[in-house]
Amino acid sequence: MAPRHKYEHPLYQEFRASAPRTGLAVDTPLGPGTVVGHNARYGDAQAVAVSEPEE
């Protein structure tokens, strides 16, 4: 994958290539969720768990 910026560190390039894309549906410990952001510095992605409506 080509770097976005001329001086982008290879660690960030690797993270970007392997991280789940924003908007992707994922499984979380709290149930299904959606990826809403990334933190390449710490190597993680943030997801919001989607709760099902109570009946």
N, C-alpha and C. Protein backbone atom coordinates (compact mmCIF):
# COMPACT_ATOMS: atom_id res chain seq x y z
N MET A 1 0.86 -1.18 0.00
CA MET A 1 0.00 0.00 0.00
C MET A 1 0.89 1.23 0.00
N ALA A 2 0.62 2.15 -0.88
CA ALA A 2 1.41 3.38 -0.96
C ALA A 2 1.11 4.29 0.23
N PRO A 3 2.13 4.97 0.74
CA PRO A 3 1.89 5.88 1.87
C PRO A 3 0.99 7.04 1.46
N ARG A 4 0.16 7.47 2.40
CA ARG A 4 -0.70 8.63 2.14
C ARG A 4 0.12 9.90 2.11
N HIS A 5 1.11 9.95 3.00
CA HIS A 5 1.95 11.14 3.12
C HIS A 5 3.38 10.73 2.81
N LYS A 6 4.15 11.65 2.31
CA LYS A 6 5.52 11.37 1.91
C LYS A 6 6.35 10.77 3.05
N TYR A 7 6.10 11.22 4.29
CA TYR A 7 6.92 10.79 5.42
C TYR A 7 6.17 9.90 6.40
N GLU A 8 5.12 9.22 5.94
CA GLU A 8 4.34 8.37 6.83
C GLU A 8 5.18 7.16 7.28
N HIS A 9 5.20 6.92 8.59
CA HIS A 9 5.98 5.82 9.17
C HIS A 9 5.39 4.48 8.72
N PRO A 10 6.24 3.48 8.44
CA PRO A 10 5.75 2.16 8.00
C PRO A 10 4.77 1.52 8.99
N LEU A 11 4.92 1.78 10.28
CA LEU A 11 4.00 1.23 11.28
C LEU A 11 2.57 1.69 11.01
N TYR A 12 2.39 2.95 10.67
CA TYR A 12 1.06 3.47 10.37
C TYR A 12 0.53 2.88 9.07
N GLN A 13 1.42 2.67 8.10
CA GLN A 13 1.00 2.05 6.84
C GLN A 13 0.49 0.64 7.08
N GLU A 14 1.21 -0.13 7.91
CA GLU A 14 0.80 -1.50 8.22
C GLU A 14 -0.52 -1.52 8.97
N PHE A 15 -0.69 -0.62 9.94
CA PHE A 15 -1.93 -0.56 10.70
C PHE A 15 -3.10 -0.26 9.77
N ARG A 16 -2.93 0.75 8.93
CA ARG A 16 -4.00 1.15 8.01
C ARG A 16 -4.39 0.02 7.08
N ALA A 17 -3.42 -0.79 6.66
CA ALA A 17 -3.69 -1.89 5.74
C ALA A 17 -4.44 -3.04 6.43
N SER A 18 -4.24 -3.21 7.75
CA SER A 18 -4.85 -4.35 8.43
C SER A 18 -6.06 -4.01 9.29
N ALA A 19 -6.27 -2.74 9.59
CA ALA A 19 -7.38 -2.33 10.47
C ALA A 19 -8.72 -2.48 9.74
N PRO A 20 -9.78 -2.80 10.49
CA PRO A 20 -11.10 -2.86 9.86
C PRO A 20 -11.53 -1.46 9.39
N ARG A 21 -12.18 -1.40 8.29
CA ARG A 21 -12.61 -0.12 7.71
C ARG A 21 -13.72 0.52 8.53
N THR A 22 -13.73 1.86 8.56
CA THR A 22 -14.79 2.60 9.24
C THR A 22 -16.13 2.24 8.59
N GLY A 23 -17.14 1.98 9.43
CA GLY A 23 -18.46 1.61 8.93
C GLY A 23 -18.67 0.11 8.83
N LEU A 24 -17.60 -0.67 9.01
CA LEU A 24 -17.70 -2.13 8.91
C LEU A 24 -18.42 -2.70 10.12
N ALA A 25 -19.30 -3.66 9.90
CA ALA A 25 -19.99 -4.35 11.00
C ALA A 25 -19.01 -5.34 11.62
N VAL A 26 -18.89 -5.31 12.95
CA VAL A 26 -17.97 -6.19 13.68
C VAL A 26 -18.67 -6.78 14.89
N ASP A 27 -18.08 -7.85 15.42
CA ASP A 27 -18.56 -8.43 16.68
C ASP A 27 -17.72 -7.85 17.81
N THR A 28 -18.36 -7.38 18.87
CA THR A 28 -17.68 -6.84 20.04
C THR A 28 -18.07 -7.70 21.25
N PRO A 29 -17.35 -7.55 22.37
CA PRO A 29 -17.73 -8.28 23.58
C PRO A 29 -19.16 -7.95 24.05
N LEU A 30 -19.68 -6.79 23.63
CA LEU A 30 -21.03 -6.38 24.03
C LEU A 30 -22.08 -6.71 22.97
N GLY A 31 -21.66 -7.35 21.90
CA GLY A 31 -22.59 -7.70 20.83
C GLY A 31 -22.16 -7.07 19.52
N PRO A 32 -23.03 -7.12 18.51
CA PRO A 32 -22.69 -6.55 17.20
C PRO A 32 -22.44 -5.06 17.31
N GLY A 33 -21.53 -4.55 16.46
CA GLY A 33 -21.23 -3.13 16.47
C GLY A 33 -20.75 -2.66 15.13
N THR A 34 -20.40 -1.38 15.07
CA THR A 34 -19.91 -0.76 13.85
C THR A 34 -18.63 -0.01 14.17
N VAL A 35 -17.61 -0.14 13.32
CA VAL A 35 -16.36 0.57 13.51
C VAL A 35 -16.60 2.05 13.25
N VAL A 36 -16.23 2.90 14.22
CA VAL A 36 -16.46 4.34 14.09
C VAL A 36 -15.16 5.14 14.07
N GLY A 37 -14.03 4.51 14.35
CA GLY A 37 -12.77 5.24 14.34
C GLY A 37 -11.59 4.34 14.58
N HIS A 38 -10.39 4.93 14.47
CA HIS A 38 -9.15 4.20 14.65
C HIS A 38 -8.18 5.02 15.49
N ASN A 39 -7.24 4.32 16.12
CA ASN A 39 -6.15 4.97 16.83
C ASN A 39 -4.89 4.19 16.46
N ALA A 40 -4.23 4.62 15.40
CA ALA A 40 -3.05 3.91 14.92
C ALA A 40 -1.92 3.93 15.93
N ARG A 41 -1.85 4.97 16.71
CA ARG A 41 -0.78 5.08 17.71
C ARG A 41 -0.83 3.91 18.69
N TYR A 42 -2.03 3.51 19.08
CA TYR A 42 -2.19 2.41 20.02
C TYR A 42 -2.58 1.11 19.32
N GLY A 43 -2.76 1.14 18.01
CA GLY A 43 -3.07 -0.06 17.25
C GLY A 43 -4.45 -0.63 17.50
N ASP A 44 -5.43 0.25 17.68
CA ASP A 44 -6.78 -0.27 17.90
C ASP A 44 -7.82 0.49 17.09
N ALA A 45 -8.99 -0.10 17.04
CA ALA A 45 -10.13 0.50 16.35
C ALA A 45 -11.25 0.66 17.37
N GLN A 46 -12.01 1.73 17.27
CA GLN A 46 -13.14 1.95 18.16
C GLN A 46 -14.42 1.53 17.44
N ALA A 47 -15.26 0.82 18.19
CA ALA A 47 -16.53 0.37 17.64
C ALA A 47 -17.65 0.73 18.61
N VAL A 48 -18.81 0.99 18.08
CA VAL A 48 -20.00 1.26 18.89
C VAL A 48 -20.88 0.02 18.82
N ALA A 49 -21.20 -0.52 19.99
CA ALA A 49 -22.08 -1.69 20.03
C ALA A 49 -23.50 -1.25 19.73
N VAL A 50 -24.17 -2.01 18.91
CA VAL A 50 -25.55 -1.71 18.54
C VAL A 50 -26.47 -2.54 19.41
N SER A 51 -27.30 -1.85 20.18
CA SER A 51 -28.23 -2.59 21.04
C SER A 51 -29.54 -2.81 20.29
N GLU A 52 -30.14 -3.93 20.54
CA GLU A 52 -31.42 -4.25 19.91
C GLU A 52 -32.54 -3.65 20.74
N PRO A 53 -33.58 -3.15 20.10
CA PRO A 53 -34.69 -2.57 20.87
C PRO A 53 -35.37 -3.61 21.76
N GLU A 54 -35.70 -3.18 22.96
CA GLU A 54 -36.39 -4.09 23.88
C GLU A 54 -37.87 -4.17 23.51
N GLU A 55 -38.44 -5.36 23.66
CA GLU A 55 -39.86 -5.52 23.32
C GLU A 55 -40.66 -5.76 24.58
